[in-house]
Amino acid sequence: FWCMVTALLGFLSLVFVEAQPLRELGYGGTIATLSALLAAYCVYPPFLLWVRRPRTAPASRLPQALPPTFIAGGLLLAALATGWGARELNTDPSLLEYFGRDSEVRQALEGVDPHGGSNPLNIAVRRKDGQPLDNDESYKQLWRLQRALLADPAVGTVLSLPVLMAEADRSFWASLLPWNWLLDALSHPKYERVARGFISADRKQGLFMLRMNEGVREERRTEVIARLQRIVERQGFDPVMVGGIYALQGRLADLVERS
């Protein structure tokens, strides 16, 4: 009882913080703690009394009458009905829903999201044949992957190595350099080693930085990520790693749903 009281006080303290997600955690934790106390002292006792009379116990210590079975049955049906309603909960809400409708953060996200996405997702890829990414063939394959990812309705924008190289290639002198030479130049301190943020040291893995649309998303984040991984594989690459806030939120949402 006292452990639950201290937990209740801890959750109540979060109700007064400024961060909306922490306030939501405080509300949810308070409701869960009160529900646990209610179950422990109101729901559980009828089930403890609803037992068969042990033969070895002294008759004087046994209750004279057992409570009606319909009490425990009614509580069980009520719990099942509540659980059925819980299936309708949105356990993977949009990023926008984490903030109040009148908050500045919500308004800023609503302005950005339709014009290129708002939630970051990173995908590291490598060619299935293990070849490096600093040649013309890899450049063409990376461009095909770039366009395939952009065609997905859940993706807002994609920043990747081929986009960086194409921007550098707009210069006349840069267009005369081979692919690997241009990549060496963009890895130089003179250009703040910008290429190193998109390709590994052995040049066999490349990074795609995506901004995901949240305002119109209807699927779960993990379903979207699985679809993007299939797109990567169809374009001749292996998705080595997937990370970012979008992936973390999707993972947590699945854990919440299973819980």
Protein backbone atom coordinates (compact mmCIF):
# COMPACT_ATOMS: atom_id res chain seq x y z
CA PHE A 1 0.00 0.00 0.00
CA TRP A 2 2.72 2.48 0.93
CA CYS A 3 4.74 1.64 -2.20
CA MET A 4 1.71 2.49 -4.31
CA VAL A 5 1.12 5.71 -2.36
CA THR A 6 4.68 6.86 -3.05
CA ALA A 7 4.27 5.93 -6.73
CA LEU A 8 1.04 7.94 -6.80
CA LEU A 9 2.79 10.99 -5.32
CA GLY A 10 5.58 10.65 -7.89
CA PHE A 11 3.15 10.60 -10.81
CA LEU A 12 1.17 13.50 -9.34
CA SER A 13 4.34 15.60 -9.25
CA LEU A 14 4.61 15.26 -13.05
CA VAL A 15 1.18 16.81 -13.55
CA PHE A 16 2.60 20.25 -12.74
CA VAL A 17 5.60 20.28 -15.13
CA GLU A 18 5.60 22.30 -18.35
CA ALA A 19 6.46 19.50 -20.80
CA GLN A 20 3.25 18.10 -22.27
CA PRO A 21 4.56 14.50 -22.69
CA LEU A 22 5.59 14.40 -19.01
CA ARG A 23 2.19 15.74 -17.95
CA GLU A 24 0.51 13.02 -20.00
CA LEU A 25 2.77 10.48 -18.27
CA GLY A 26 1.70 11.93 -14.91
CA TYR A 27 -1.99 11.64 -15.79
CA GLY A 28 -1.60 8.09 -17.09
CA GLY A 29 0.51 6.98 -14.14
CA THR A 30 -1.95 8.46 -11.65
CA ILE A 31 -4.87 6.66 -13.26
CA ALA A 32 -2.90 3.40 -13.39
CA THR A 33 -1.86 3.63 -9.73
CA LEU A 34 -5.40 4.40 -8.56
CA SER A 35 -6.65 1.50 -10.68
CA ALA A 36 -4.09 -0.81 -9.10
CA LEU A 37 -5.18 0.22 -5.59
CA LEU A 38 -8.83 -0.25 -6.55
CA ALA A 39 -8.11 -3.71 -7.95
CA ALA A 40 -6.07 -4.76 -4.93
CA TYR A 41 -8.66 -3.79 -2.33
CA CYS A 42 -11.99 -4.02 -4.19
CA VAL A 43 -11.62 -6.50 -7.09
CA TYR A 44 -9.16 -9.06 -5.74
CA PRO A 45 -10.79 -9.87 -2.34
CA PRO A 46 -14.00 -11.38 -3.81
CA PHE A 47 -11.87 -13.78 -5.84
CA LEU A 48 -9.88 -14.73 -2.73
CA LEU A 49 -13.11 -15.53 -0.86
CA TRP A 50 -14.52 -17.43 -3.83
CA VAL A 51 -12.63 -20.66 -3.02
CA ARG A 52 -13.43 -24.19 -2.07
CA ARG A 53 -13.50 -25.08 1.59
CA PRO A 54 -10.15 -26.72 2.50
CA ARG A 55 -10.67 -30.08 4.16
CA THR A 56 -7.72 -29.84 6.56
CA ALA A 57 -8.55 -26.43 7.99
CA PRO A 58 -10.44 -26.22 11.28
CA ALA A 59 -14.11 -25.63 10.73
CA SER A 60 -14.18 -22.76 13.22
CA ARG A 61 -11.78 -20.69 11.09
CA LEU A 62 -13.80 -20.99 7.89
CA PRO A 63 -16.36 -18.41 6.84
CA GLN A 64 -19.89 -19.58 7.49
CA ALA A 65 -21.04 -18.58 4.00
CA LEU A 66 -19.23 -17.94 0.74
CA PRO A 67 -20.08 -14.77 -1.22
CA PRO A 68 -22.27 -15.21 -4.28
CA THR A 69 -20.33 -16.25 -7.34
CA PHE A 70 -22.05 -13.64 -9.47
CA ILE A 71 -20.00 -10.90 -7.73
CA ALA A 72 -16.70 -12.29 -8.97
CA GLY A 73 -18.25 -13.13 -12.33
CA GLY A 74 -19.60 -9.59 -12.70
CA LEU A 75 -16.23 -8.09 -11.91
CA LEU A 76 -14.61 -10.39 -14.45
CA LEU A 77 -17.09 -9.38 -17.16
CA ALA A 78 -16.57 -5.70 -16.35
CA ALA A 79 -12.80 -6.15 -16.69
CA LEU A 80 -13.21 -7.92 -20.04
CA ALA A 81 -15.50 -5.15 -21.30
CA THR A 82 -12.94 -2.54 -20.32
CA GLY A 83 -10.19 -4.53 -22.02
CA TRP A 84 -12.22 -4.71 -25.23
CA GLY A 85 -12.54 -0.93 -25.23
CA ALA A 86 -8.79 -0.61 -24.73
CA ARG A 87 -8.33 -2.15 -28.19
CA GLU A 88 -9.64 1.12 -29.65
CA LEU A 89 -6.90 3.19 -28.01
CA ASN A 90 -4.44 4.90 -30.34
CA THR A 91 -1.13 3.63 -28.98
CA ASP A 92 0.92 5.15 -31.82
CA PRO A 93 -0.30 8.76 -32.09
CA SER A 94 1.11 11.38 -34.40
CA LEU A 95 4.04 13.48 -33.24
CA LEU A 96 1.70 16.48 -33.36
CA GLU A 97 -0.57 14.93 -30.73
CA TYR A 98 2.18 15.14 -28.11
CA PHE A 99 1.66 18.91 -27.92
CA GLY A 100 -1.39 21.07 -27.20
CA ARG A 101 -3.23 22.51 -30.19
CA ASP A 102 -2.44 26.07 -29.11
CA SER A 103 1.22 25.48 -28.27
CA GLU A 104 3.97 27.07 -30.36
CA VAL A 105 5.64 23.71 -30.91
CA ARG A 106 2.42 22.22 -32.34
CA GLN A 107 1.91 25.19 -34.65
CA ALA A 108 5.52 25.06 -35.85
CA LEU A 109 5.28 21.32 -36.58
CA GLU A 110 1.99 21.78 -38.43
CA GLY A 111 3.69 24.38 -40.61
CA VAL A 112 6.72 22.23 -41.36
CA ASP A 113 5.20 18.76 -41.65
CA PRO A 114 3.26 19.20 -44.95
CA HIS A 115 6.34 20.68 -46.63
CA GLY A 116 8.94 18.00 -46.13
CA GLY A 117 8.11 16.06 -42.98
CA SER A 118 8.89 16.67 -39.33
CA ASN A 119 10.03 13.41 -37.71
CA PRO A 120 13.61 12.19 -38.39
CA LEU A 121 14.40 8.65 -39.48
CA ASN A 122 17.87 7.41 -40.46
CA ILE A 123 18.59 4.34 -42.58
CA ALA A 124 22.11 3.05 -43.18
CA VAL A 125 22.47 0.87 -46.29
CA ARG A 126 25.09 -1.13 -48.13
CA ARG A 127 25.12 -2.95 -51.45
CA LYS A 128 24.10 -6.59 -51.30
CA ASP A 129 27.20 -7.58 -53.25
CA GLY A 130 29.44 -5.75 -50.76
CA GLN A 131 30.91 -3.37 -53.36
CA PRO A 132 31.95 0.16 -52.28
CA LEU A 133 29.72 3.16 -52.90
CA ASP A 134 32.37 5.45 -54.44
CA ASN A 135 31.87 4.51 -58.10
CA ASP A 136 29.49 5.42 -60.91
CA GLU A 137 27.46 2.19 -60.67
CA SER A 138 26.81 2.73 -56.98
CA TYR A 139 25.92 6.35 -57.69
CA LYS A 140 23.16 5.28 -60.09
CA GLN A 141 21.84 2.66 -57.66
CA LEU A 142 21.81 5.18 -54.82
CA TRP A 143 19.83 7.59 -56.97
CA ARG A 144 17.26 4.91 -57.74
CA LEU A 145 16.93 4.24 -54.02
CA GLN A 146 16.62 7.97 -53.36
CA ARG A 147 13.71 8.28 -55.79
CA ALA A 148 12.04 5.11 -54.49
CA LEU A 149 12.10 6.38 -50.92
CA LEU A 150 10.76 9.78 -51.95
CA ALA A 151 7.86 8.09 -53.74
CA ASP A 152 6.59 6.59 -50.48
CA PRO A 153 3.67 8.68 -49.15
CA ALA A 154 5.00 8.56 -45.57
CA VAL A 155 8.30 10.20 -46.56
CA GLY A 156 8.61 13.97 -46.74
CA THR A 157 12.23 14.59 -47.74
CA VAL A 158 15.37 12.48 -48.13
CA LEU A 159 18.92 13.75 -47.76
CA SER A 160 21.62 11.32 -48.86
CA LEU A 161 25.01 10.94 -50.46
CA PRO A 162 23.80 11.12 -54.09
CA VAL A 163 21.96 14.38 -53.34
CA LEU A 164 25.12 15.82 -51.81
CA MET A 165 27.22 14.73 -54.77
CA ALA A 166 24.71 16.05 -57.28
CA GLU A 167 24.77 19.44 -55.58
CA ALA A 168 28.56 19.51 -55.71
CA ASP A 169 28.48 18.34 -59.32
CA ARG A 170 26.66 21.54 -60.33
CA SER A 171 30.05 23.23 -60.34
CA PHE A 172 31.74 23.02 -63.74
CA TRP A 173 35.12 21.99 -62.37
CA ALA A 174 33.59 19.43 -60.03
CA SER A 175 31.71 17.84 -62.91
CA LEU A 176 35.05 17.01 -64.52
CA LEU A 177 36.20 14.94 -61.55
CA PRO A 178 35.55 11.21 -61.18
CA TRP A 179 33.08 10.15 -58.53
CA ASN A 180 35.68 8.97 -56.00
CA TRP A 181 37.82 12.09 -56.50
CA LEU A 182 34.86 14.33 -55.83
CA LEU A 183 34.07 12.29 -52.76
CA ASP A 184 37.65 12.75 -51.56
CA ALA A 185 37.31 16.50 -52.02
CA LEU A 186 34.09 16.67 -50.02
CA SER A 187 35.78 14.68 -47.24
CA HIS A 188 38.50 17.32 -46.95
CA PRO A 189 38.57 19.76 -43.99
CA LYS A 190 38.25 22.62 -46.50
CA TYR A 191 34.62 21.54 -47.02
CA GLU A 192 34.11 20.63 -43.34
CA ARG A 193 34.30 16.92 -44.22
CA VAL A 194 30.63 17.04 -45.19
CA ALA A 195 30.76 13.73 -47.07
CA ARG A 196 31.84 11.81 -43.98
CA GLY A 197 28.40 12.30 -42.51
CA PHE A 198 26.86 10.22 -45.32
CA ILE A 199 29.37 7.44 -45.96
CA SER A 200 31.45 5.15 -43.75
CA ALA A 201 35.24 5.17 -43.63
CA ASP A 202 35.47 2.05 -45.81
CA ARG A 203 32.91 3.60 -48.20
CA LYS A 204 30.69 0.55 -48.15
CA GLN A 205 27.81 1.99 -46.13
CA GLY A 206 25.78 5.08 -46.88
CA LEU A 207 23.31 7.04 -44.74
CA PHE A 208 19.85 8.19 -45.83
CA MET A 209 18.37 10.88 -43.58
CA LEU A 210 14.59 10.98 -43.93
CA ARG A 211 11.98 13.40 -42.60
CA MET A 212 8.71 11.56 -42.14
CA ASN A 213 5.21 12.98 -42.55
CA GLU A 214 3.16 12.81 -39.35
CA GLY A 215 0.03 14.81 -40.11
CA VAL A 216 -1.50 12.29 -42.54
CA ARG A 217 -0.05 9.05 -41.17
CA GLU A 218 -2.58 6.27 -40.63
CA GLU A 219 -0.26 3.25 -40.35
CA ARG A 220 1.87 2.37 -37.37
CA ARG A 221 5.43 3.63 -37.53
CA THR A 222 6.89 0.15 -37.40
CA GLU A 223 4.75 -0.84 -40.40
CA VAL A 224 6.06 2.16 -42.33
CA ILE A 225 9.66 1.30 -41.41
CA ALA A 226 9.18 -2.30 -42.52
CA ARG A 227 7.86 -1.08 -45.88
CA LEU A 228 10.85 1.26 -46.33
CA GLN A 229 13.21 -1.60 -45.54
CA ARG A 230 11.57 -3.66 -48.27
CA ILE A 231 12.06 -0.76 -50.69
CA VAL A 232 15.76 -0.67 -49.78
CA GLU A 233 16.08 -4.38 -50.43
CA ARG A 234 14.29 -4.21 -53.79
CA GLN A 235 16.80 -1.58 -54.91
CA GLY A 236 19.74 -3.92 -54.29
CA PHE A 237 20.76 -2.77 -50.81
CA ASP A 238 20.66 -4.17 -47.29
CA PRO A 239 19.30 -1.93 -44.51
CA VAL A 240 22.17 -2.21 -42.05
CA MET A 241 20.70 -0.04 -39.30
CA VAL A 242 17.54 1.97 -38.71
CA GLY A 243 17.40 4.70 -36.08
CA GLY A 244 16.13 8.13 -35.17
CA ILE A 245 13.22 9.53 -33.18
CA TYR A 246 10.67 8.03 -35.60
CA ALA A 247 12.00 4.50 -35.10
CA LEU A 248 12.22 4.93 -31.32
CA GLN A 249 8.63 6.14 -31.09
CA GLY A 250 7.47 3.22 -33.20
CA ARG A 251 9.27 0.72 -30.98
CA LEU A 252 7.86 2.26 -27.81
CA ALA A 253 4.35 2.33 -29.31
CA ASP A 254 4.53 -1.42 -30.05
CA LEU A 255 5.67 -2.11 -26.48
CA VAL A 256 2.80 -0.05 -25.11
CA GLU A 257 0.29 -1.90 -27.28
CA ARG A 258 1.55 -5.33 -26.19
CA SER A 259 1.54 -4.21 -22.56
